[in-house]
Amino acid sequence: MRKILIVIDMQNDFIDAALGTAEAVSIIDSVKNKIRSYKTSDVIATMDTHNPDYLQTQEGRYLPVEHCIKGTDGWQIRPEIASLLDGAKIYEKPTFGSVRLAEDLKAMSEKEQFELELIGLCTDICVVSNALMLKAMMPEVKITVDASCCAGVTPDKHLAALETMRSCQIQVTNAV
């Protein structure tokens, strides 16, 4: 069965810039190896994408740290990861989950069977949001999250998000 990899928000601002963490930096090599294990045609990526008025949005009021402003260096996918995504479909998303990604995969699931694997940042925000949205739209599609290729805002939030996903029948692999 075809297996599709979804690489969530491996952008500079989430790795070592505005909202970066040591844990995010530590998964870079694992993420690169995971991407290399898939055919490029079976890899999809997302990019958190905000406008300059981010601080005036609801998200900006709750998280008042400018990040992933379209066109900035922080918005860019980490170069060594971006080079592995050449030819992959990339979805820009203005919020945690990508509705368009979920809709496109739902339509695809009506024509062919596949499994999904998610990796990326941040486990407790965008990874869990996308995983739950995909599971809600395609309850019979097997969805897996590789914990060794994800990092949360904090280690505790990472673990909590993994547990939430397990509770919703999303498979979690490589959890420590």
C-alpha atoms as a PDB file:
ATOM      1  CA  MET A   1       0.000   0.000   0.000  1.00  0.00           C
ATOM      2  CA  ARG A   2       1.198   3.490  -0.785  1.00  0.00           C
ATOM      3  CA  LYS A   3       2.514   5.425   2.191  1.00  0.00           C
ATOM      4  CA  ILE A   4       2.613   9.228   2.132  1.00  0.00           C
ATOM      5  CA  LEU A   5       4.857  11.336   4.367  1.00  0.00           C
ATOM      6  CA  ILE A   6       3.650  14.708   5.606  1.00  0.00           C
ATOM      7  CA  VAL A   7       6.421  16.996   6.854  1.00  0.00           C
ATOM      8  CA  ILE A   8       4.884  19.633   9.116  1.00  0.00           C
ATOM      9  CA  ASP A   9       6.400  23.131   9.403  1.00  0.00           C
ATOM     10  CA  MET A  10      10.137  22.382   9.413  1.00  0.00           C
ATOM     11  CA  GLN A  11      10.750  26.118   9.166  1.00  0.00           C
ATOM     12  CA  ASN A  12      13.589  28.190  10.580  1.00  0.00           C
ATOM     13  CA  ASP A  13      11.379  30.061  13.057  1.00  0.00           C
ATOM     14  CA  PHE A  14      10.355  26.765  14.685  1.00  0.00           C
ATOM     15  CA  ILE A  15      13.842  25.274  14.666  1.00  0.00           C
ATOM     16  CA  ASP A  16      16.291  27.859  15.948  1.00  0.00           C
ATOM     17  CA  ALA A  17      14.774  31.297  15.429  1.00  0.00           C
ATOM     18  CA  ALA A  18      11.687  33.068  16.898  1.00  0.00           C
ATOM     19  CA  LEU A  19      10.078  29.955  18.438  1.00  0.00           C
ATOM     20  CA  GLY A  20      12.954  27.497  18.151  1.00  0.00           C
ATOM     21  CA  THR A  21      13.951  24.922  20.735  1.00  0.00           C
ATOM     22  CA  ALA A  22      16.892  22.619  21.340  1.00  0.00           C
ATOM     23  CA  GLU A  23      14.522  19.695  20.802  1.00  0.00           C
ATOM     24  CA  ALA A  24      13.580  21.012  17.338  1.00  0.00           C
ATOM     25  CA  VAL A  25      17.244  21.329  16.396  1.00  0.00           C
ATOM     26  CA  SER A  26      17.870  17.791  17.624  1.00  0.00           C
ATOM     27  CA  ILE A  27      15.396  16.163  15.193  1.00  0.00           C
ATOM     28  CA  ILE A  28      16.841  17.639  11.969  1.00  0.00           C
ATOM     29  CA  ASP A  29      18.941  14.589  11.043  1.00  0.00           C
ATOM     30  CA  SER A  30      16.093  12.184  11.823  1.00  0.00           C
ATOM     31  CA  VAL A  31      13.717  14.250   9.675  1.00  0.00           C
ATOM     32  CA  LYS A  32      16.190  14.259   6.783  1.00  0.00           C
ATOM     33  CA  ASN A  33      16.633  10.477   7.030  1.00  0.00           C
ATOM     34  CA  LYS A  34      12.875   9.943   7.145  1.00  0.00           C
ATOM     35  CA  ILE A  35      12.320  12.098   4.048  1.00  0.00           C
ATOM     36  CA  ARG A  36      15.067  10.198   2.217  1.00  0.00           C
ATOM     37  CA  SER A  37      13.228   6.927   2.947  1.00  0.00           C
ATOM     38  CA  TYR A  38      10.264   8.069   0.780  1.00  0.00           C
ATOM     39  CA  LYS A  39       9.936   8.759  -2.924  1.00  0.00           C
ATOM     40  CA  THR A  40       9.642  12.511  -3.484  1.00  0.00           C
ATOM     41  CA  SER A  41       6.265  11.937  -5.132  1.00  0.00           C
ATOM     42  CA  ASP A  42       5.039  10.535  -1.798  1.00  0.00           C
ATOM     43  CA  VAL A  43       6.173  13.511   0.301  1.00  0.00           C
ATOM     44  CA  ILE A  44       4.007  16.510   1.176  1.00  0.00           C
ATOM     45  CA  ALA A  45       5.092  19.445   3.330  1.00  0.00           C
ATOM     46  CA  THR A  46       3.327  22.279   5.109  1.00  0.00           C
ATOM     47  CA  MET A  47       4.495  25.777   5.906  1.00  0.00           C
ATOM     48  CA  ASP A  48       3.035  27.938   8.647  1.00  0.00           C
ATOM     49  CA  THR A  49       2.395  31.183   6.776  1.00  0.00           C
ATOM     50  CA  HIS A  50       1.453  34.512   8.330  1.00  0.00           C
ATOM     51  CA  ASN A  51       1.105  38.058   7.031  1.00  0.00           C
ATOM     52  CA  PRO A  52       2.766  41.149   8.508  1.00  0.00           C
ATOM     53  CA  ASP A  53      -0.433  41.857  10.500  1.00  0.00           C
ATOM     54  CA  TYR A  54       0.042  38.611  12.466  1.00  0.00           C
ATOM     55  CA  LEU A  55      -0.016  40.358  15.863  1.00  0.00           C
ATOM     56  CA  GLN A  56      -3.520  41.661  15.102  1.00  0.00           C
ATOM     57  CA  THR A  57      -4.903  38.162  14.486  1.00  0.00           C
ATOM     58  CA  GLN A  58      -6.483  35.993  17.177  1.00  0.00           C
ATOM     59  CA  GLU A  59      -3.452  33.686  17.108  1.00  0.00           C
ATOM     60  CA  GLY A  60      -1.133  36.693  17.355  1.00  0.00           C
ATOM     61  CA  ARG A  61      -2.949  37.984  20.415  1.00  0.00           C
ATOM     62  CA  TYR A  62      -2.607  34.605  22.161  1.00  0.00           C
ATOM     63  CA  LEU A  63       0.937  33.980  20.910  1.00  0.00           C
ATOM     64  CA  PRO A  64       2.428  37.474  20.513  1.00  0.00           C
ATOM     65  CA  VAL A  65       5.650  36.352  18.833  1.00  0.00           C
ATOM     66  CA  GLU A  66       5.968  37.211  15.161  1.00  0.00           C
ATOM     67  CA  HIS A  67       6.935  34.082  13.280  1.00  0.00           C
ATOM     68  CA  CYS A  68       6.715  32.554   9.824  1.00  0.00           C
ATOM     69  CA  ILE A  69       5.908  35.893   8.182  1.00  0.00           C
ATOM     70  CA  LYS A  70       5.733  35.061   4.476  1.00  0.00           C
ATOM     71  CA  GLY A  71       8.941  35.914   2.652  1.00  0.00           C
ATOM     72  CA  THR A  72      11.151  36.164   5.752  1.00  0.00           C
ATOM     73  CA  ASP A  73      14.084  33.886   6.534  1.00  0.00           C
ATOM     74  CA  GLY A  74      12.152  32.468   9.500  1.00  0.00           C
ATOM     75  CA  TRP A  75       9.321  31.423   7.151  1.00  0.00           C
ATOM     76  CA  GLN A  76      11.668  29.389   4.946  1.00  0.00           C
ATOM     77  CA  ILE A  77      11.927  25.639   5.340  1.00  0.00           C
ATOM     78  CA  ARG A  78      15.328  24.713   6.793  1.00  0.00           C
ATOM     79  CA  PRO A  79      17.653  24.631   3.713  1.00  0.00           C
ATOM     80  CA  GLU A  80      18.950  21.078   4.184  1.00  0.00           C
ATOM     81  CA  ILE A  81      15.355  19.863   4.500  1.00  0.00           C
ATOM     82  CA  ALA A  82      14.041  22.048   1.658  1.00  0.00           C
ATOM     83  CA  SER A  83      16.610  20.504  -0.682  1.00  0.00           C
ATOM     84  CA  LEU A  84      15.057  17.086   0.011  1.00  0.00           C
ATOM     85  CA  LEU A  85      11.576  18.406  -0.784  1.00  0.00           C
ATOM     86  CA  ASP A  86      12.355  19.392  -4.370  1.00  0.00           C
ATOM     87  CA  GLY A  87       9.286  18.292  -6.320  1.00  0.00           C
ATOM     88  CA  ALA A  88       7.158  17.662  -3.227  1.00  0.00           C
ATOM     89  CA  LYS A  89       3.777  19.380  -2.906  1.00  0.00           C
ATOM     90  CA  ILE A  90       3.930  22.151  -0.309  1.00  0.00           C
ATOM     91  CA  TYR A  91       0.884  23.625   1.408  1.00  0.00           C
ATOM     92  CA  GLU A  92       1.054  27.078   2.949  1.00  0.00           C
ATOM     93  CA  LYS A  93      -1.367  27.270   5.867  1.00  0.00           C
ATOM     94  CA  PRO A  94      -2.505  30.328   7.835  1.00  0.00           C
ATOM     95  CA  THR A  95      -3.302  28.367  10.982  1.00  0.00           C
ATOM     96  CA  PHE A  96      -2.374  25.187  12.839  1.00  0.00           C
ATOM     97  CA  GLY A  97      -4.079  22.660  10.576  1.00  0.00           C
ATOM     98  CA  SER A  98      -4.303  22.727   6.800  1.00  0.00           C
ATOM     99  CA  VAL A  99      -7.905  22.358   5.670  1.00  0.00           C
ATOM    100  CA  ARG A 100      -6.805  22.263   2.029  1.00  0.00           C
ATOM    101  CA  LEU A 101      -4.357  19.424   2.710  1.00  0.00           C
ATOM    102  CA  ALA A 102      -7.081  17.437   4.484  1.00  0.00           C
ATOM    103  CA  GLU A 103      -9.588  18.061   1.694  1.00  0.00           C
ATOM    104  CA  ASP A 104      -7.085  17.055  -1.011  1.00  0.00           C
ATOM    105  CA  LEU A 105      -6.106  13.859   0.815  1.00  0.00           C
ATOM    106  CA  LYS A 106      -9.773  13.029   1.489  1.00  0.00           C
ATOM    107  CA  ALA A 107     -10.506  13.317  -2.245  1.00  0.00           C
ATOM    108  CA  MET A 108      -7.471  11.187  -2.997  1.00  0.00           C
ATOM    109  CA  SER A 109      -8.597   8.550  -0.476  1.00  0.00           C
ATOM    110  CA  GLU A 110     -11.806   8.106  -2.457  1.00  0.00           C
ATOM    111  CA  LYS A 111      -9.739   6.996  -5.462  1.00  0.00           C
ATOM    112  CA  GLU A 112      -6.910   5.014  -3.865  1.00  0.00           C
ATOM    113  CA  GLN A 113      -5.863   3.465  -0.578  1.00  0.00           C
ATOM    114  CA  PHE A 114      -2.865   4.824   1.277  1.00  0.00           C
ATOM    115  CA  GLU A 115      -1.409   5.327   4.730  1.00  0.00           C
ATOM    116  CA  LEU A 116      -0.113   8.596   6.164  1.00  0.00           C
ATOM    117  CA  GLU A 117       2.913   9.299   8.322  1.00  0.00           C
ATOM    118  CA  LEU A 118       3.404  12.705   9.939  1.00  0.00           C
ATOM    119  CA  ILE A 119       6.587  14.262  11.256  1.00  0.00           C
ATOM    120  CA  GLY A 120       7.658  17.804  12.149  1.00  0.00           C
ATOM    121  CA  LEU A 121       6.949  20.759  14.383  1.00  0.00           C
ATOM    122  CA  CYS A 122       5.438  21.413  16.796  1.00  0.00           C
ATOM    123  CA  THR A 123       4.027  18.122  18.067  1.00  0.00           C
ATOM    124  CA  ASP A 124       1.561  19.816  20.412  1.00  0.00           C
ATOM    125  CA  ILE A 125       0.280  22.416  17.962  1.00  0.00           C
ATOM    126  CA  CYS A 126       0.526  21.834  14.225  1.00  0.00           C
ATOM    127  CA  VAL A 127       1.351  18.112  14.147  1.00  0.00           C
ATOM    128  CA  VAL A 128      -1.538  17.160  16.441  1.00  0.00           C
ATOM    129  CA  SER A 129      -3.919  19.590  14.685  1.00  0.00           C
ATOM    130  CA  ASN A 130      -3.207  18.099  11.269  1.00  0.00           C
ATOM    131  CA  ALA A 131      -3.237  14.513  12.523  1.00  0.00           C
ATOM    132  CA  LEU A 132      -6.632  14.932  14.224  1.00  0.00           C
ATOM    133  CA  MET A 133      -8.132  16.751  11.241  1.00  0.00           C
ATOM    134  CA  LEU A 134      -6.921  14.023   8.874  1.00  0.00           C
ATOM    135  CA  LYS A 135      -8.246  11.282  11.178  1.00  0.00           C
ATOM    136  CA  ALA A 136     -11.634  13.009  11.436  1.00  0.00           C
ATOM    137  CA  MET A 137     -11.921  13.290   7.661  1.00  0.00           C
ATOM    138  CA  MET A 138     -10.560   9.805   6.908  1.00  0.00           C
ATOM    139  CA  PRO A 139     -11.280   7.558   9.908  1.00  0.00           C
ATOM    140  CA  GLU A 140     -10.322   4.378   8.036  1.00  0.00           C
ATOM    141  CA  VAL A 141      -6.928   5.644   6.827  1.00  0.00           C
ATOM    142  CA  LYS A 142      -4.030   4.494   8.975  1.00  0.00           C
ATOM    143  CA  ILE A 143      -2.213   7.544  10.334  1.00  0.00           C
ATOM    144  CA  THR A 144       1.127   7.267  12.101  1.00  0.00           C
ATOM    145  CA  VAL A 145       3.266   9.894  13.821  1.00  0.00           C
ATOM    146  CA  ASP A 146       6.975   9.196  14.238  1.00  0.00           C
ATOM    147  CA  ALA A 147       7.767  10.716  17.638  1.00  0.00           C
ATOM    148  CA  SER A 148      11.517  10.690  16.948  1.00  0.00           C
ATOM    149  CA  CYS A 149      10.944  13.109  14.066  1.00  0.00           C
ATOM    150  CA  CYS A 150       8.778  15.538  16.067  1.00  0.00           C
ATOM    151  CA  ALA A 151       9.406  18.081  18.791  1.00  0.00           C
ATOM    152  CA  GLY A 152       6.973  20.026  20.902  1.00  0.00           C
ATOM    153  CA  VAL A 153       7.067  23.461  22.449  1.00  0.00           C
ATOM    154  CA  THR A 154       8.343  21.637  25.548  1.00  0.00           C
ATOM    155  CA  PRO A 155       9.198  17.959  26.111  1.00  0.00           C
ATOM    156  CA  ASP A 156       6.127  17.582  28.355  1.00  0.00           C
ATOM    157  CA  LYS A 157       3.795  19.067  25.747  1.00  0.00           C
ATOM    158  CA  HIS A 158       5.337  16.779  23.111  1.00  0.00           C
ATOM    159  CA  LEU A 159       4.489  13.742  25.265  1.00  0.00           C
ATOM    160  CA  ALA A 160       0.988  15.027  26.011  1.00  0.00           C
ATOM    161  CA  ALA A 161       0.272  15.519  22.297  1.00  0.00           C
ATOM    162  CA  LEU A 162       1.520  12.011  21.517  1.00  0.00           C
ATOM    163  CA  GLU A 163      -0.852  10.636  24.147  1.00  0.00           C
ATOM    164  CA  THR A 164      -3.753  12.660  22.736  1.00  0.00           C
ATOM    165  CA  MET A 165      -3.067  11.251  19.273  1.00  0.00           C
ATOM    166  CA  ARG A 166      -2.861   7.688  20.639  1.00  0.00           C
ATOM    167  CA  SER A 167      -6.253   8.234  22.289  1.00  0.00           C
ATOM    168  CA  CYS A 168      -7.687   9.122  18.882  1.00  0.00           C
ATOM    169  CA  GLN A 169      -6.349   5.970  17.185  1.00  0.00           C
ATOM    170  CA  ILE A 170      -3.355   7.613  15.573  1.00  0.00           C
ATOM    171  CA  GLN A 171      -0.390   5.274  15.771  1.00  0.00           C
ATOM    172  CA  VAL A 172       2.716   6.672  17.475  1.00  0.00           C
ATOM    173  CA  THR A 173       6.096   5.103  16.724  1.00  0.00           C
ATOM    174  CA  ASN A 174       9.558   5.649  18.179  1.00  0.00           C
ATOM    175  CA  ALA A 175       8.313   7.303  21.366  1.00  0.00           C
ATOM    176  CA  VAL A 176      10.926   7.362  24.103  1.00  0.00           C
END
